[in-house]
Amino acid sequence: KIQTELGWKPCVNLSDGISTTVEWYKRNKQWIKA
């Protein structure tokens, strides 16, 4: 429905998205510690 009506589809595959997420948490350990 959203693909047909609004032309949306996901752009980030799981491998890239998880890698990006892991890197963010590695860079933001103080955010976790807080």
PDB file of all heavy atoms in Angstrom:
ATOM      1  N   LYS A   1       0.822  -1.212   0.000  1.00  0.00           N
ATOM      2  CA  LYS A   1       0.000   0.000   0.000  1.00  0.00           C
ATOM      3  C   LYS A   1       0.858   1.265   0.000  1.00  0.00           C
ATOM      4  O   LYS A   1       0.667   2.161  -0.840  1.00  0.00           O
ATOM      5  CB  LYS A   1      -0.937  -0.009   1.204  1.00  0.00           C
ATOM      6  CG  LYS A   1      -1.886   1.174   1.279  1.00  0.00           C
ATOM      7  CD  LYS A   1      -2.845   0.986   2.452  1.00  0.00           C
ATOM      8  CE  LYS A   1      -3.823   2.131   2.586  1.00  0.00           C
ATOM      9  NZ  LYS A   1      -4.783   1.920   3.710  1.00  0.00           N
ATOM     10  N   ILE A   2       1.810   1.369   0.920  1.00  0.00           N
ATOM     11  CA  ILE A   2       2.638   2.573   0.983  1.00  0.00           C
ATOM     12  C   ILE A   2       3.571   2.659  -0.222  1.00  0.00           C
ATOM     13  O   ILE A   2       3.906   3.754  -0.693  1.00  0.00           O
ATOM     14  CB  ILE A   2       3.437   2.627   2.312  1.00  0.00           C
ATOM     15  CG1 ILE A   2       4.068   4.014   2.488  1.00  0.00           C
ATOM     16  CG2 ILE A   2       4.485   1.522   2.385  1.00  0.00           C
ATOM     17  CD1 ILE A   2       4.692   4.225   3.854  1.00  0.00           C
ATOM     18  N   GLN A   3       3.973   1.508  -0.743  1.00  0.00           N
ATOM     19  CA  GLN A   3       4.830   1.505  -1.923  1.00  0.00           C
ATOM     20  C   GLN A   3       4.068   1.996  -3.149  1.00  0.00           C
ATOM     21  O   GLN A   3       4.578   2.804  -3.930  1.00  0.00           O
ATOM     22  CB  GLN A   3       5.379   0.101  -2.157  1.00  0.00           C
ATOM     23  CG  GLN A   3       6.363  -0.354  -1.088  1.00  0.00           C
ATOM     24  CD  GLN A   3       6.726  -1.828  -1.201  1.00  0.00           C
ATOM     25  OE1 GLN A   3       6.242  -2.524  -2.080  1.00  0.00           O
ATOM     26  NE2 GLN A   3       7.574  -2.300  -0.303  1.00  0.00           N
ATOM     27  N   THR A   4       2.831   1.534  -3.296  1.00  0.00           N
ATOM     28  CA  THR A   4       2.024   1.902  -4.461  1.00  0.00           C
ATOM     29  C   THR A   4       1.538   3.337  -4.389  1.00  0.00           C
ATOM     30  O   THR A   4       1.636   4.101  -5.354  1.00  0.00           O
ATOM     31  CB  THR A   4       0.820   0.958  -4.594  1.00  0.00           C
ATOM     32  OG1 THR A   4       1.288  -0.387  -4.723  1.00  0.00           O
ATOM     33  CG2 THR A   4      -0.022   1.324  -5.802  1.00  0.00           C
ATOM     34  N   GLU A   5       1.020   3.740  -3.220  1.00  0.00           N
ATOM     35  CA  GLU A   5       0.425   5.071  -3.090  1.00  0.00           C
ATOM     36  C   GLU A   5       1.459   6.189  -2.953  1.00  0.00           C
ATOM     37  O   GLU A   5       1.281   7.278  -3.505  1.00  0.00           O
ATOM     38  CB  GLU A   5      -0.514   5.115  -1.889  1.00  0.00           C
ATOM     39  CG  GLU A   5      -1.794   4.309  -2.063  1.00  0.00           C
ATOM     40  CD  GLU A   5      -2.779   4.587  -0.947  1.00  0.00           C
ATOM     41  OE1 GLU A   5      -2.613   5.583  -0.205  1.00  0.00           O
ATOM     42  OE2 GLU A   5      -3.736   3.792  -0.813  1.00  0.00           O
ATOM     43  N   LEU A   6       2.529   5.925  -2.215  1.00  0.00           N
ATOM     44  CA  LEU A   6       3.453   7.001  -1.871  1.00  0.00           C
ATOM     45  C   LEU A   6       4.862   6.791  -2.424  1.00  0.00           C
ATOM     46  O   LEU A   6       5.729   7.652  -2.259  1.00  0.00           O
ATOM     47  CB  LEU A   6       3.515   7.167  -0.344  1.00  0.00           C
ATOM     48  CG  LEU A   6       2.165   7.455   0.332  1.00  0.00           C
ATOM     49  CD1 LEU A   6       2.344   7.574   1.839  1.00  0.00           C
ATOM     50  CD2 LEU A   6       1.527   8.713  -0.225  1.00  0.00           C
ATOM     51  N   GLY A   7       5.101   5.646  -3.039  1.00  0.00           N
ATOM     52  CA  GLY A   7       6.398   5.410  -3.655  1.00  0.00           C
ATOM     53  C   GLY A   7       7.530   5.151  -2.683  1.00  0.00           C
ATOM     54  O   GLY A   7       8.708   5.306  -3.031  1.00  0.00           O
ATOM     55  N   TRP A   8       7.182   4.727  -1.459  1.00  0.00           N
ATOM     56  CA  TRP A   8       8.224   4.479  -0.458  1.00  0.00           C
ATOM     57  C   TRP A   8       8.691   3.036  -0.500  1.00  0.00           C
ATOM     58  O   TRP A   8       7.908   2.109  -0.731  1.00  0.00           O
ATOM     59  CB  TRP A   8       7.690   4.779   0.944  1.00  0.00           C
ATOM     60  CG  TRP A   8       8.687   4.443   2.034  1.00  0.00           C
ATOM     61  CD1 TRP A   8       9.647   5.263   2.542  1.00  0.00           C
ATOM     62  CD2 TRP A   8       8.833   3.184   2.712  1.00  0.00           C
ATOM     63  NE1 TRP A   8      10.371   4.608   3.500  1.00  0.00           N
ATOM     64  CE2 TRP A   8       9.893   3.328   3.624  1.00  0.00           C
ATOM     65  CE3 TRP A   8       8.173   1.960   2.638  1.00  0.00           C
ATOM     66  CZ2 TRP A   8      10.309   2.295   4.469  1.00  0.00           C
ATOM     67  CZ3 TRP A   8       8.578   0.917   3.459  1.00  0.00           C
ATOM     68  CH2 TRP A   8       9.639   1.092   4.368  1.00  0.00           C
ATOM     69  N   LYS A   9       9.965   2.852  -0.252  1.00  0.00           N
ATOM     70  CA  LYS A   9      10.516   1.531   0.014  1.00  0.00           C
ATOM     71  C   LYS A   9      11.759   1.712   0.872  1.00  0.00           C
ATOM     72  O   LYS A   9      12.402   2.775   0.835  1.00  0.00           O
ATOM     73  CB  LYS A   9      10.861   0.789  -1.279  1.00  0.00           C
ATOM     74  CG  LYS A   9      11.943   1.430  -2.114  1.00  0.00           C
ATOM     75  CD  LYS A   9      12.225   0.597  -3.360  1.00  0.00           C
ATOM     76  CE  LYS A   9      13.331   1.235  -4.212  1.00  0.00           C
ATOM     77  NZ  LYS A   9      13.630   0.412  -5.415  1.00  0.00           N
ATOM     78  N   PRO A  10      12.113   0.716   1.667  1.00  0.00           N
ATOM     79  CA  PRO A  10      13.306   0.862   2.509  1.00  0.00           C
ATOM     80  C   PRO A  10      14.564   0.951   1.668  1.00  0.00           C
ATOM     81  O   PRO A  10      14.688   0.294   0.634  1.00  0.00           O
ATOM     82  CB  PRO A  10      13.287  -0.410   3.372  1.00  0.00           C
ATOM     83  CG  PRO A  10      12.475  -1.400   2.593  1.00  0.00           C
ATOM     84  CD  PRO A  10      11.441  -0.592   1.862  1.00  0.00           C
ATOM     85  N   CYS A  11      15.510   1.784   2.102  1.00  0.00           N
ATOM     86  CA  CYS A  11      16.757   1.978   1.361  1.00  0.00           C
ATOM     87  C   CYS A  11      17.948   1.300   2.029  1.00  0.00           C
ATOM     88  O   CYS A  11      18.951   1.030   1.362  1.00  0.00           O
ATOM     89  CB  CYS A  11      17.057   3.474   1.238  1.00  0.00           C
ATOM     90  SG  CYS A  11      15.870   4.387   0.236  1.00  0.00           S
ATOM     91  N   VAL A  12      17.850   1.048   3.326  1.00  0.00           N
ATOM     92  CA  VAL A  12      18.991   0.532   4.084  1.00  0.00           C
ATOM     93  C   VAL A  12      18.829  -0.963   4.311  1.00  0.00           C
ATOM     94  O   VAL A  12      17.862  -1.393   4.964  1.00  0.00           O
ATOM     95  CB  VAL A  12      19.129   1.258   5.437  1.00  0.00           C
ATOM     96  CG1 VAL A  12      20.336   0.731   6.207  1.00  0.00           C
ATOM     97  CG2 VAL A  12      19.237   2.766   5.228  1.00  0.00           C
ATOM     98  N   ASN A  13      19.743  -1.765   3.754  1.00  0.00           N
ATOM     99  CA  ASN A  13      19.662  -3.203   4.015  1.00  0.00           C
ATOM    100  C   ASN A  13      20.156  -3.503   5.433  1.00  0.00           C
ATOM    101  O   ASN A  13      20.828  -2.680   6.063  1.00  0.00           O
ATOM    102  CB  ASN A  13      20.426  -4.009   2.962  1.00  0.00           C
ATOM    103  CG  ASN A  13      21.920  -3.741   2.977  1.00  0.00           C
ATOM    104  OD1 ASN A  13      22.566  -3.755   4.021  1.00  0.00           O
ATOM    105  ND2 ASN A  13      22.493  -3.489   1.806  1.00  0.00           N
ATOM    106  N   LEU A  14      19.823  -4.683   5.913  1.00  0.00           N
ATOM    107  CA  LEU A  14      20.085  -4.998   7.313  1.00  0.00           C
ATOM    108  C   LEU A  14      21.577  -5.011   7.628  1.00  0.00           C
ATOM    109  O   LEU A  14      22.004  -4.527   8.682  1.00  0.00           O
ATOM    110  CB  LEU A  14      19.461  -6.345   7.670  1.00  0.00           C
ATOM    111  CG  LEU A  14      19.539  -6.750   9.145  1.00  0.00           C
ATOM    112  CD1 LEU A  14      18.849  -5.718  10.021  1.00  0.00           C
ATOM    113  CD2 LEU A  14      18.917  -8.128   9.360  1.00  0.00           C
ATOM    114  N   SER A  15      22.384  -5.528   6.729  1.00  0.00           N
ATOM    115  CA  SER A  15      23.819  -5.601   6.974  1.00  0.00           C
ATOM    116  C   SER A  15      24.423  -4.211   7.169  1.00  0.00           C
ATOM    117  O   SER A  15      25.165  -3.965   8.134  1.00  0.00           O
ATOM    118  CB  SER A  15      24.509  -6.319   5.809  1.00  0.00           C
ATOM    119  OG  SER A  15      25.903  -6.362   6.002  1.00  0.00           O
ATOM    120  N   ASP A  16      24.077  -3.281   6.275  1.00  0.00           N
ATOM    121  CA  ASP A  16      24.597  -1.914   6.387  1.00  0.00           C
ATOM    122  C   ASP A  16      24.027  -1.205   7.609  1.00  0.00           C
ATOM    123  O   ASP A  16      24.744  -0.479   8.313  1.00  0.00           O
ATOM    124  CB  ASP A  16      24.266  -1.119   5.121  1.00  0.00           C
ATOM    125  CG  ASP A  16      25.033  -1.594   3.906  1.00  0.00           C
ATOM    126  OD1 ASP A  16      26.054  -2.280   4.071  1.00  0.00           O
ATOM    127  OD2 ASP A  16      24.600  -1.284   2.777  1.00  0.00           O
ATOM    128  N   GLY A  17      22.730  -1.392   7.841  1.00  0.00           N
ATOM    129  CA  GLY A  17      22.089  -0.715   8.959  1.00  0.00           C
ATOM    130  C   GLY A  17      22.624  -1.161  10.302  1.00  0.00           C
ATOM    131  O   GLY A  17      22.868  -0.339  11.202  1.00  0.00           O
ATOM    132  N   ILE A  18      22.850  -2.463  10.452  1.00  0.00           N
ATOM    133  CA  ILE A  18      23.385  -2.974  11.713  1.00  0.00           C
ATOM    134  C   ILE A  18      24.828  -2.509  11.914  1.00  0.00           C
ATOM    135  O   ILE A  18      25.223  -2.126  13.020  1.00  0.00           O
ATOM    136  CB  ILE A  18      23.292  -4.515  11.757  1.00  0.00           C
ATOM    137  CG1 ILE A  18      21.835  -4.942  11.970  1.00  0.00           C
ATOM    138  CG2 ILE A  18      24.168  -5.079  12.878  1.00  0.00           C
ATOM    139  CD1 ILE A  18      21.241  -4.537  13.304  1.00  0.00           C
ATOM    140  N   SER A  19      25.600  -2.499  10.846  1.00  0.00           N
ATOM    141  CA  SER A  19      26.981  -2.013  10.943  1.00  0.00           C
ATOM    142  C   SER A  19      27.011  -0.549  11.366  1.00  0.00           C
ATOM    143  O   SER A  19      27.805  -0.150  12.233  1.00  0.00           O
ATOM    144  CB  SER A  19      27.701  -2.188   9.600  1.00  0.00           C
ATOM    145  OG  SER A  19      27.856  -3.551   9.280  1.00  0.00           O
ATOM    146  N   THR A  20      26.138   0.257  10.762  1.00  0.00           N
ATOM    147  CA  THR A  20      26.042   1.670  11.133  1.00  0.00           C
ATOM    148  C   THR A  20      25.639   1.833  12.596  1.00  0.00           C
ATOM    149  O   THR A  20      26.189   2.674  13.328  1.00  0.00           O
ATOM    150  CB  THR A  20      25.013   2.386  10.234  1.00  0.00           C
ATOM    151  OG1 THR A  20      25.443   2.329   8.876  1.00  0.00           O
ATOM    152  CG2 THR A  20      24.836   3.842  10.652  1.00  0.00           C
ATOM    153  N   THR A  21      24.696   1.020  13.023  1.00  0.00           N
ATOM    154  CA  THR A  21      24.204   1.094  14.402  1.00  0.00           C
ATOM    155  C   THR A  21      25.283   0.687  15.398  1.00  0.00           C
ATOM    156  O   THR A  21      25.483   1.350  16.429  1.00  0.00           O
ATOM    157  CB  THR A  21      22.966   0.196  14.568  1.00  0.00           C
ATOM    158  OG1 THR A  21      21.963   0.609  13.633  1.00  0.00           O
ATOM    159  CG2 THR A  21      22.413   0.285  15.980  1.00  0.00           C
ATOM    160  N   VAL A  22      25.985  -0.389  15.107  1.00  0.00           N
ATOM    161  CA  VAL A  22      27.066  -0.831  15.988  1.00  0.00           C
ATOM    162  C   VAL A  22      28.125   0.258  16.114  1.00  0.00           C
ATOM    163  O   VAL A  22      28.598   0.564  17.225  1.00  0.00           O
ATOM    164  CB  VAL A  22      27.696  -2.134  15.461  1.00  0.00           C
ATOM    165  CG1 VAL A  22      29.005  -2.446  16.203  1.00  0.00           C
ATOM    166  CG2 VAL A  22      26.730  -3.301  15.604  1.00  0.00           C
ATOM    167  N   GLU A  23      28.486   0.872  14.994  1.00  0.00           N
ATOM    168  CA  GLU A  23      29.498   1.930  15.028  1.00  0.00           C
ATOM    169  C   GLU A  23      29.032   3.112  15.854  1.00  0.00           C
ATOM    170  O   GLU A  23      29.826   3.737  16.563  1.00  0.00           O
ATOM    171  CB  GLU A  23      29.852   2.367  13.605  1.00  0.00           C
ATOM    172  CG  GLU A  23      30.699   1.357  12.846  1.00  0.00           C
ATOM    173  CD  GLU A  23      31.983   1.013  13.572  1.00  0.00           C
ATOM    174  OE1 GLU A  23      32.683   1.954  14.027  1.00  0.00           O
ATOM    175  OE2 GLU A  23      32.285  -0.190  13.705  1.00  0.00           O
ATOM    176  N   TRP A  24      27.742   3.441  15.782  1.00  0.00           N
ATOM    177  CA  TRP A  24      27.219   4.563  16.565  1.00  0.00           C
ATOM    178  C   TRP A  24      27.349   4.275  18.061  1.00  0.00           C
ATOM    179  O   TRP A  24      27.793   5.139  18.830  1.00  0.00           O
ATOM    180  CB  TRP A  24      25.757   4.838  16.218  1.00  0.00           C
ATOM    181  CG  TRP A  24      25.233   6.074  16.888  1.00  0.00           C
ATOM    182  CD1 TRP A  24      25.287   7.348  16.414  1.00  0.00           C
ATOM    183  CD2 TRP A  24      24.614   6.160  18.190  1.00  0.00           C
ATOM    184  NE1 TRP A  24      24.732   8.224  17.326  1.00  0.00           N
ATOM    185  CE2 TRP A  24      24.313   7.528  18.414  1.00  0.00           C
ATOM    186  CE3 TRP A  24      24.281   5.232  19.153  1.00  0.00           C
ATOM    187  CZ2 TRP A  24      23.698   7.970  19.591  1.00  0.00           C
ATOM    188  CZ3 TRP A  24      23.674   5.660  20.335  1.00  0.00           C
ATOM    189  CH2 TRP A  24      23.388   7.019  20.539  1.00  0.00           C
ATOM    190  N   TYR A  25      26.993   3.074  18.476  1.00  0.00           N
ATOM    191  CA  TYR A  25      27.086   2.733  19.899  1.00  0.00           C
ATOM    192  C   TYR A  25      28.548   2.655  20.353  1.00  0.00           C
ATOM    193  O   TYR A  25      28.859   3.020  21.495  1.00  0.00           O
ATOM    194  CB  TYR A  25      26.355   1.416  20.181  1.00  0.00           C
ATOM    195  CG  TYR A  25      24.860   1.612  20.299  1.00  0.00           C
ATOM    196  CD1 TYR A  25      24.026   1.416  19.213  1.00  0.00           C
ATOM    197  CD2 TYR A  25      24.285   2.028  21.501  1.00  0.00           C
ATOM    198  CE1 TYR A  25      22.654   1.620  19.306  1.00  0.00           C
ATOM    199  CE2 TYR A  25      22.920   2.234  21.605  1.00  0.00           C
ATOM    200  CZ  TYR A  25      22.104   2.034  20.511  1.00  0.00           C
ATOM    201  OH  TYR A  25      20.752   2.253  20.615  1.00  0.00           O
ATOM    202  N   LYS A  26      29.436   2.242  19.474  1.00  0.00           N
ATOM    203  CA  LYS A  26      30.858   2.228  19.828  1.00  0.00           C
ATOM    204  C   LYS A  26      31.375   3.642  20.045  1.00  0.00           C
ATOM    205  O   LYS A  26      32.205   3.884  20.932  1.00  0.00           O
ATOM    206  CB  LYS A  26      31.658   1.531  18.719  1.00  0.00           C
ATOM    207  CG  LYS A  26      31.498   0.014  18.695  1.00  0.00           C
ATOM    208  CD  LYS A  26      32.151  -0.595  17.471  1.00  0.00           C
ATOM    209  CE  LYS A  26      33.644  -0.434  17.451  1.00  0.00           C
ATOM    210  NZ  LYS A  26      34.265  -1.103  16.284  1.00  0.00           N
ATOM    211  N   ARG A  27      30.886   4.588  19.241  1.00  0.00           N
ATOM    212  CA  ARG A  27      31.333   5.982  19.364  1.00  0.00           C
ATOM    213  C   ARG A  27      30.648   6.722  20.510  1.00  0.00           C
ATOM    214  O   ARG A  27      31.108   7.794  20.905  1.00  0.00           O
ATOM    215  CB  ARG A  27      31.062   6.752  18.058  1.00  0.00           C
ATOM    216  CG  ARG A  27      31.875   6.302  16.859  1.00  0.00           C
ATOM    217  CD  ARG A  27      31.787   7.344  15.739  1.00  0.00           C
ATOM    218  NE  ARG A  27      30.411   7.703  15.437  1.00  0.00           N
ATOM    219  CZ  ARG A  27      29.647   7.102  14.541  1.00  0.00           C
ATOM    220  NH1 ARG A  27      30.130   6.059  13.856  1.00  0.00           N
ATOM    221  NH2 ARG A  27      28.411   7.495  14.311  1.00  0.00           N
ATOM    222  N   ASN A  28      29.568   6.167  21.006  1.00  0.00           N
ATOM    223  CA  ASN A  28      28.761   6.881  22.008  1.00  0.00           C
ATOM    224  C   ASN A  28      28.604   6.077  23.294  1.00  0.00           C
ATOM    225  O   ASN A  28      27.512   5.982  23.864  1.00  0.00           O
ATOM    226  CB  ASN A  28      27.388   7.212  21.414  1.00  0.00           C
ATOM    227  CG  ASN A  28      27.462   8.278  20.340  1.00  0.00           C
ATOM    228  OD1 ASN A  28      27.451   9.470  20.620  1.00  0.00           O
ATOM    229  ND2 ASN A  28      27.539   7.832  19.089  1.00  0.00           N
ATOM    230  N   LYS A  29      29.715   5.561  23.779  1.00  0.00           N
ATOM    231  CA  LYS A  29      29.685   4.779  25.020  1.00  0.00           C
ATOM    232  C   LYS A  29      29.274   5.636  26.213  1.00  0.00           C
ATOM    233  O   LYS A  29      28.659   5.139  27.156  1.00  0.00           O
ATOM    234  CB  LYS A  29      31.050   4.143  25.262  1.00  0.00           C
ATOM    235  CG  LYS A  29      31.398   3.053  24.254  1.00  0.00           C
ATOM    236  CD  LYS A  29      32.768   2.447  24.533  1.00  0.00           C
ATOM    237  CE  LYS A  29      33.098   1.368  23.500  1.00  0.00           C
ATOM    238  NZ  LYS A  29      34.445   0.773  23.715  1.00  0.00           N
ATOM    239  N   GLN A  30      29.596   6.928  26.167  1.00  0.00           N
ATOM    240  CA  GLN A  30      29.203   7.810  27.272  1.00  0.00           C
ATOM    241  C   GLN A  30      27.695   8.005  27.319  1.00  0.00           C
ATOM    242  O   GLN A  30      27.121   8.204  28.393  1.00  0.00           O
ATOM    243  CB  GLN A  30      29.919   9.162  27.141  1.00  0.00           C
ATOM    244  CG  GLN A  30      31.415   9.082  27.369  1.00  0.00           C
ATOM    245  CD  GLN A  30      31.763   8.458  28.713  1.00  0.00           C
ATOM    246  OE1 GLN A  30      31.205   8.848  29.750  1.00  0.00           O
ATOM    247  NE2 GLN A  30      32.675   7.501  28.712  1.00  0.00           N
ATOM    248  N   TRP A  31      27.054   7.952  26.157  1.00  0.00           N
ATOM    249  CA  TRP A  31      25.583   8.029  26.105  1.00  0.00           C
ATOM    250  C   TRP A  31      24.990   6.844  26.847  1.00  0.00           C
ATOM    251  O   TRP A  31      24.040   6.993  27.628  1.00  0.00           O
ATOM    252  CB  TRP A  31      25.152   8.048  24.647  1.00  0.00           C
ATOM    253  CG  TRP A  31      23.684   8.150  24.401  1.00  0.00           C
ATOM    254  CD1 TRP A  31      22.943   9.302  24.285  1.00  0.00           C
ATOM    255  CD2 TRP A  31      22.755   7.071  24.205  1.00  0.00           C
ATOM    256  NE1 TRP A  31      21.617   9.005  24.037  1.00  0.00           N
ATOM    257  CE2 TRP A  31      21.479   7.642  23.980  1.00  0.00           C
ATOM    258  CE3 TRP A  31      22.884   5.686  24.204  1.00  0.00           C
ATOM    259  CZ2 TRP A  31      20.339   6.871  23.763  1.00  0.00           C
ATOM    260  CZ3 TRP A  31      21.750   4.908  23.989  1.00  0.00           C
ATOM    261  CH2 TRP A  31      20.492   5.501  23.766  1.00  0.00           C
ATOM    262  N   ILE A  32      25.549   5.655  26.628  1.00  0.00           N
ATOM    263  CA  ILE A  32      25.084   4.449  27.323  1.00  0.00           C
ATOM    264  C   ILE A  32      25.378   4.546  28.814  1.00  0.00           C
ATOM    265  O   ILE A  32      24.520   4.238  29.658  1.00  0.00           O
ATOM    266  CB  ILE A  32      25.753   3.193  26.732  1.00  0.00           C
ATOM    267  CG1 ILE A  32      25.404   3.043  25.256  1.00  0.00           C
ATOM    268  CG2 ILE A  32      25.317   1.947  27.498  1.00  0.00           C
ATOM    269  CD1 ILE A  32      26.146   1.915  24.563  1.00  0.00           C
ATOM    270  N   LYS A  33      26.583   4.986  29.159  1.00  0.00           N
ATOM    271  CA  LYS A  33      26.978   5.069  30.568  1.00  0.00           C
ATOM    272  C   LYS A  33      26.089   6.034  31.350  1.00  0.00           C
ATOM    273  O   LYS A  33      25.756   5.788  32.513  1.00  0.00           O
ATOM    274  CB  LYS A  33      28.445   5.516  30.671  1.00  0.00           C
ATOM    275  CG  LYS A  33      29.446   4.484  30.177  1.00  0.00           C
ATOM    276  CD  LYS A  33      29.393   3.218  31.015  1.00  0.00           C
ATOM    277  CE  LYS A  33      30.439   2.212  30.551  1.00  0.00           C
ATOM    278  NZ  LYS A  33      30.337   0.922  31.301  1.00  0.00           N
ATOM    279  N   ALA A  34      25.705   7.136  30.706  1.00  0.00           N
ATOM    280  CA  ALA A  34      24.836   8.110  31.381  1.00  0.00           C
ATOM    281  C   ALA A  34      23.494   7.483  31.744  1.00  0.00           C
ATOM    282  O   ALA A  34      22.913   7.776  32.797  1.00  0.00           O
ATOM    283  CB  ALA A  34      24.635   9.331  30.494  1.00  0.00           C
TER     284      ALA A  34
END
